[in-house]
Amino acid sequence: MAVRHDPNSKIIAENRRARFDYAIESDLEAGIMLLGSEVKSLRRGQSNIAESYASIEGGELWLINSYIAPYSQAGVFGHEERRRRKLLVSRKELSRLRQAVGREGMTLVPLVMYFNDKGIAKLKIGVARGKKLADKRETAAKRDWDRQKARLLKQGHQ
């Protein structure tokens, strides 16, 4: 049976530096409270989560410093581009995140913002530990070696 691609599901924004700067230990999916003009702008793919982070404040989870471009047709009903957006997670997940952040050196990093198969905006958050410069060099060296190994294997089969 052929796999059908759902037109509703698509990646909106990806934080590509996150896996380079952080060691991701676990991740979870969270909903985002958005305004109508924000959803319209996201459908156009005009957003950035590269400089953003998630924080637990007042018993709630927030996405801070994410950028969603203004929607020109919204007029006076537009939105603020870099406003704080509430993330929707269960109480159980929130307490697990609070415990993880309470440990030394752990932080909440947004990894991917996307529309799921039902067309609802979601954010994948990673519980991560910051990498030291030596760890980053090690990751880069491993990636280069994997590329070289694949190249050598490809040449060996020809």
Protein backbone atom coordinates (compact mmCIF):
# COMPACT_ATOMS: atom_id res chain seq x y z
CA MET A 1 0.00 0.00 0.00
CA ALA A 2 1.40 3.42 -0.94
CA VAL A 3 2.16 5.86 1.83
CA ARG A 4 0.10 9.01 1.38
CA HIS A 5 1.68 12.33 2.23
CA ASP A 6 -0.72 14.48 4.23
CA PRO A 7 -0.84 18.04 2.84
CA ASN A 8 -1.50 19.39 6.36
CA SER A 9 1.72 18.09 7.89
CA LYS A 10 4.89 20.05 7.19
CA ILE A 11 7.97 21.36 8.97
CA ILE A 12 7.69 25.10 9.61
CA ALA A 13 11.02 25.89 11.31
CA GLU A 14 13.98 23.81 12.46
CA ASN A 15 16.73 24.65 14.94
CA ARG A 16 19.65 23.05 13.11
CA ARG A 17 22.29 24.36 15.54
CA ALA A 18 20.62 22.67 18.51
CA ARG A 19 22.13 19.23 17.89
CA PHE A 20 25.56 20.80 17.38
CA ASP A 21 25.48 23.03 20.50
CA TYR A 22 23.63 20.61 22.81
CA ALA A 23 23.59 16.91 23.64
CA ILE A 24 19.86 16.08 23.42
CA GLU A 25 18.90 13.56 26.10
CA SER A 26 15.14 13.35 25.47
CA ASP A 27 12.43 15.19 23.63
CA LEU A 28 8.70 15.74 23.76
CA GLU A 29 5.94 17.23 21.66
CA ALA A 30 4.12 20.33 22.91
CA GLY A 31 1.20 22.31 21.55
CA ILE A 32 1.53 26.07 21.07
CA MET A 33 -1.08 28.73 21.91
CA LEU A 34 -1.16 30.93 18.81
CA LEU A 35 -3.22 33.81 17.48
CA GLY A 36 -4.96 33.53 14.10
CA SER A 37 -2.52 35.84 12.35
CA GLU A 38 0.38 33.73 13.71
CA VAL A 39 -1.09 30.55 12.24
CA LYS A 40 -1.55 32.25 8.86
CA SER A 41 2.05 33.44 8.94
CA LEU A 42 3.26 29.94 9.91
CA ARG A 43 1.34 28.43 7.00
CA ARG A 44 3.44 30.68 4.77
CA GLY A 45 6.58 29.30 6.51
CA GLN A 46 7.71 32.62 7.95
CA SER A 47 9.21 31.79 11.33
CA ASN A 48 12.49 31.19 13.12
CA ILE A 49 13.21 29.27 16.33
CA ALA A 50 17.03 29.34 16.12
CA GLU A 51 17.54 31.90 18.93
CA SER A 52 14.59 30.77 21.06
CA TYR A 53 14.41 28.69 24.22
CA ALA A 54 11.76 27.21 26.50
CA SER A 55 11.37 28.11 30.16
CA ILE A 56 9.18 27.02 33.06
CA GLU A 57 7.77 30.07 34.85
CA GLY A 58 4.86 30.18 37.27
CA GLY A 59 3.99 26.52 36.74
CA GLU A 60 3.66 27.01 32.97
CA LEU A 61 5.92 26.27 30.00
CA TRP A 62 6.79 29.22 27.72
CA LEU A 63 8.53 29.59 24.37
CA ILE A 64 10.66 32.72 24.54
CA ASN A 65 12.24 34.76 21.73
CA SER A 66 10.76 32.80 18.82
CA TYR A 67 10.06 34.83 15.69
CA ILE A 68 6.85 34.65 13.66
CA ALA A 69 6.67 37.21 10.84
CA PRO A 70 3.73 39.63 10.85
CA TYR A 71 0.81 38.68 8.61
CA SER A 72 0.12 41.64 6.33
CA GLN A 73 -3.61 40.93 5.79
CA ALA A 74 -4.27 40.90 9.57
CA GLY A 75 -4.33 44.71 9.76
CA VAL A 76 -4.98 45.92 13.31
CA PHE A 77 -5.54 42.33 14.50
CA GLY A 78 -1.91 41.36 13.94
CA HIS A 79 0.52 39.97 16.49
CA GLU A 80 3.80 40.90 18.13
CA GLU A 81 6.64 39.09 16.33
CA ARG A 82 8.73 37.99 19.31
CA ARG A 83 6.09 37.63 22.01
CA ARG A 84 6.20 34.86 24.63
CA ARG A 85 4.05 31.92 23.58
CA LYS A 86 2.56 29.45 26.02
CA LEU A 87 3.37 25.79 25.35
CA LEU A 88 0.78 23.14 26.17
CA VAL A 89 1.98 20.01 27.96
CA SER A 90 0.40 17.72 30.55
CA ARG A 91 1.10 18.21 34.26
CA LYS A 92 3.08 14.98 34.32
CA GLU A 93 5.33 16.12 31.46
CA LEU A 94 5.73 19.57 33.05
CA SER A 95 6.89 18.06 36.35
CA ARG A 96 9.32 15.79 34.49
CA LEU A 97 10.72 18.82 32.63
CA ARG A 98 11.00 20.81 35.88
CA GLN A 99 13.02 17.97 37.46
CA ALA A 100 15.27 17.72 34.38
CA VAL A 101 15.94 21.46 34.31
CA GLY A 102 16.60 21.39 38.07
CA ARG A 103 19.58 19.12 37.44
CA GLU A 104 22.93 20.70 36.68
CA GLY A 105 23.42 22.03 33.16
CA MET A 106 20.11 20.95 31.61
CA THR A 107 18.06 23.29 29.43
CA LEU A 108 14.97 23.15 27.21
CA VAL A 109 15.77 23.69 23.54
CA PRO A 110 13.15 23.93 20.76
CA LEU A 111 14.14 21.53 17.98
CA VAL A 112 11.41 21.61 15.33
CA MET A 113 8.16 23.52 14.81
CA TYR A 114 5.72 21.75 12.51
CA PHE A 115 2.11 21.12 11.61
CA ASN A 116 1.05 17.58 12.52
CA ASP A 117 -1.16 15.40 10.29
CA LYS A 118 -4.29 17.13 11.67
CA GLY A 119 -2.89 20.54 10.72
CA ILE A 120 -2.19 21.62 14.32
CA ALA A 121 1.01 23.55 15.10
CA LYS A 122 3.35 21.58 17.39
CA LEU A 123 6.82 22.14 18.80
CA LYS A 124 9.34 19.41 19.57
CA ILE A 125 11.35 20.37 22.68
CA GLY A 126 14.61 18.70 23.63
CA VAL A 127 15.91 18.32 27.17
CA ALA A 128 19.57 19.04 26.53
CA ARG A 129 22.96 19.53 28.13
CA GLY A 130 25.26 22.17 26.67
CA LYS A 131 28.34 20.83 24.91
CA LYS A 132 31.84 22.04 25.65
CA LEU A 133 34.12 23.11 22.79
CA ALA A 134 35.94 19.75 22.88
CA ASP A 135 32.62 17.89 22.54
CA LYS A 136 31.71 20.03 19.52
CA ARG A 137 35.06 19.23 17.90
CA GLU A 138 34.53 15.54 18.59
CA THR A 139 31.07 15.66 16.98
CA ALA A 140 32.47 17.43 13.90
CA ALA A 141 35.33 14.92 13.62
CA LYS A 142 32.90 11.97 13.89
CA ARG A 143 30.63 13.49 11.22
CA ASP A 144 33.62 14.02 8.89
CA TRP A 145 34.83 10.45 9.45
CA ASP A 146 31.35 9.07 8.72
CA ARG A 147 31.25 11.02 5.45
CA GLN A 148 34.72 9.80 4.48
CA LYS A 149 33.81 6.21 5.40
CA ALA A 150 30.65 6.38 3.25
CA ARG A 151 32.70 7.79 0.37
CA LEU A 152 35.27 4.99 0.67
CA LEU A 153 32.59 2.30 0.83
CA LYS A 154 30.89 3.80 -2.23
CA GLN A 155 34.19 3.75 -4.15
CA GLY A 156 34.85 0.16 -3.07
CA HIS A 157 31.57 -1.09 -4.57
CA GLN A 158 32.18 0.45 -8.01
